[in-house]
């Protein structure tokens, strides 16, 4: 199972990142859990300094920008190959 965490308070870029991740997950079709973290306390504890941020299976993949769905799909493929 792959876990993707999307960190962001809910701004337009954070919503766009969540949409890109969800689109990539639908295209990927594997066993993927998506968690949206909007609590600033949790983001601080996880040392997320710039949002939106995306972490896949505990590895930070993107901070401060909206990734393309194709980029997220490649992260998913890499995570699936490592499992």
C-alpha atoms as a PDB file:
ATOM      1  CA  UNK A   1       0.000   0.000   0.000  1.00  0.00           C
ATOM      2  CA  UNK A   2       1.174   3.514  -0.859  1.00  0.00           C
ATOM      3  CA  UNK A   3       0.404   6.487   1.375  1.00  0.00           C
ATOM      4  CA  UNK A   4       0.424  10.020   0.000  1.00  0.00           C
ATOM      5  CA  UNK A   5       0.191  12.954   2.362  1.00  0.00           C
ATOM      6  CA  UNK A   6      -0.750  16.368   0.988  1.00  0.00           C
ATOM      7  CA  UNK A   7       0.115  19.199   3.376  1.00  0.00           C
ATOM      8  CA  UNK A   8      -1.587  22.571   3.050  1.00  0.00           C
ATOM      9  CA  UNK A   9      -4.018  24.858   4.834  1.00  0.00           C
ATOM     10  CA  UNK A  10      -6.572  24.842   2.018  1.00  0.00           C
ATOM     11  CA  UNK A  11      -5.385  27.658  -0.257  1.00  0.00           C
ATOM     12  CA  UNK A  12      -6.006  27.470  -3.999  1.00  0.00           C
ATOM     13  CA  UNK A  13      -2.547  25.962  -4.672  1.00  0.00           C
ATOM     14  CA  UNK A  14      -3.123  23.366  -1.962  1.00  0.00           C
ATOM     15  CA  UNK A  15      -6.491  22.424  -3.475  1.00  0.00           C
ATOM     16  CA  UNK A  16      -4.852  22.204  -6.915  1.00  0.00           C
ATOM     17  CA  UNK A  17      -2.174  19.904  -5.486  1.00  0.00           C
ATOM     18  CA  UNK A  18      -4.785  17.663  -3.877  1.00  0.00           C
ATOM     19  CA  UNK A  19      -6.683  17.531  -7.199  1.00  0.00           C
ATOM     20  CA  UNK A  20      -3.476  16.611  -9.085  1.00  0.00           C
ATOM     21  CA  UNK A  21      -2.739  13.850  -6.578  1.00  0.00           C
ATOM     22  CA  UNK A  22      -6.280  12.481  -6.780  1.00  0.00           C
ATOM     23  CA  UNK A  23      -6.147  12.521 -10.597  1.00  0.00           C
ATOM     24  CA  UNK A  24      -2.837  10.634 -10.545  1.00  0.00           C
ATOM     25  CA  UNK A  25      -4.201   8.087  -8.066  1.00  0.00           C
ATOM     26  CA  UNK A  26      -7.218   7.427 -10.303  1.00  0.00           C
ATOM     27  CA  UNK A  27      -4.922   6.961 -13.319  1.00  0.00           C
ATOM     28  CA  UNK A  28      -2.510   4.759 -11.354  1.00  0.00           C
ATOM     29  CA  UNK A  29      -5.236   2.444 -10.113  1.00  0.00           C
ATOM     30  CA  UNK A  30      -3.211   0.820  -7.336  1.00  0.00           C
ATOM     31  CA  UNK A  31      -3.791   0.569  -3.585  1.00  0.00           C
ATOM     32  CA  UNK A  32      -3.155   4.181  -2.555  1.00  0.00           C
ATOM     33  CA  UNK A  33      -4.311   6.118   0.491  1.00  0.00           C
ATOM     34  CA  UNK A  34      -4.427   9.921   0.254  1.00  0.00           C
ATOM     35  CA  UNK A  35      -4.335  11.977   3.453  1.00  0.00           C
ATOM     36  CA  UNK A  36      -4.848  15.752   3.460  1.00  0.00           C
ATOM     37  CA  UNK A  37      -3.109  17.425   6.416  1.00  0.00           C
ATOM     38  CA  UNK A  38      -4.309  20.980   7.037  1.00  0.00           C
ATOM     39  CA  UNK A  39      -3.571  21.323  10.750  1.00  0.00           C
ATOM     40  CA  UNK A  40      -0.691  23.817  11.209  1.00  0.00           C
ATOM     41  CA  UNK A  41       0.425  22.058  14.402  1.00  0.00           C
ATOM     42  CA  UNK A  42       0.876  18.768  12.573  1.00  0.00           C
ATOM     43  CA  UNK A  43       2.613  20.497   9.656  1.00  0.00           C
ATOM     44  CA  UNK A  44       5.052  22.132  12.085  1.00  0.00           C
ATOM     45  CA  UNK A  45       5.682  18.825  13.849  1.00  0.00           C
ATOM     46  CA  UNK A  46       6.371  17.169  10.477  1.00  0.00           C
ATOM     47  CA  UNK A  47       8.739  20.043   9.581  1.00  0.00           C
ATOM     48  CA  UNK A  48       6.734  21.180   6.555  1.00  0.00           C
ATOM     49  CA  UNK A  49       7.969  24.726   5.935  1.00  0.00           C
ATOM     50  CA  UNK A  50       6.440  25.456   2.514  1.00  0.00           C
ATOM     51  CA  UNK A  51       3.020  24.439   1.276  1.00  0.00           C
ATOM     52  CA  UNK A  52       1.664  22.776  -0.643  1.00  0.00           C
ATOM     53  CA  UNK A  53       3.834  19.776   0.126  1.00  0.00           C
ATOM     54  CA  UNK A  54       3.524  16.148  -0.936  1.00  0.00           C
ATOM     55  CA  UNK A  55       5.057  13.165   0.841  1.00  0.00           C
ATOM     56  CA  UNK A  56       4.924   9.617  -0.554  1.00  0.00           C
ATOM     57  CA  UNK A  57       5.532   6.754   1.885  1.00  0.00           C
ATOM     58  CA  UNK A  58       7.348   9.109   4.230  1.00  0.00           C
ATOM     59  CA  UNK A  59       9.592  10.694   1.574  1.00  0.00           C
ATOM     60  CA  UNK A  60       9.035  14.377   0.772  1.00  0.00           C
ATOM     61  CA  UNK A  61       8.606  14.739  -2.983  1.00  0.00           C
ATOM     62  CA  UNK A  62       7.472  18.327  -3.470  1.00  0.00           C
ATOM     63  CA  UNK A  63       7.258  21.559  -1.460  1.00  0.00           C
ATOM     64  CA  UNK A  64       6.035  25.020  -2.347  1.00  0.00           C
ATOM     65  CA  UNK A  65       4.632  24.156  -5.781  1.00  0.00           C
ATOM     66  CA  UNK A  66       1.822  22.287  -7.507  1.00  0.00           C
ATOM     67  CA  UNK A  67       3.116  19.071  -9.099  1.00  0.00           C
ATOM     68  CA  UNK A  68       1.711  17.840 -12.395  1.00  0.00           C
ATOM     69  CA  UNK A  69      -0.415  14.681 -12.244  1.00  0.00           C
ATOM     70  CA  UNK A  70       2.139  12.933 -14.484  1.00  0.00           C
ATOM     71  CA  UNK A  71       4.861  13.715 -11.944  1.00  0.00           C
ATOM     72  CA  UNK A  72       2.747  12.279  -9.129  1.00  0.00           C
ATOM     73  CA  UNK A  73       2.100   9.174 -11.231  1.00  0.00           C
ATOM     74  CA  UNK A  74       5.858   8.652 -11.594  1.00  0.00           C
ATOM     75  CA  UNK A  75       6.244   8.934  -7.803  1.00  0.00           C
ATOM     76  CA  UNK A  76       3.534   6.295  -7.405  1.00  0.00           C
ATOM     77  CA  UNK A  77       5.238   3.967  -9.893  1.00  0.00           C
ATOM     78  CA  UNK A  78       8.556   4.341  -8.064  1.00  0.00           C
ATOM     79  CA  UNK A  79       6.901   3.682  -4.685  1.00  0.00           C
ATOM     80  CA  UNK A  80       5.101   0.613  -6.064  1.00  0.00           C
ATOM     81  CA  UNK A  81       8.346  -0.782  -7.500  1.00  0.00           C
ATOM     82  CA  UNK A  82      10.093  -0.315  -4.150  1.00  0.00           C
ATOM     83  CA  UNK A  83       7.358  -2.168  -2.247  1.00  0.00           C
END
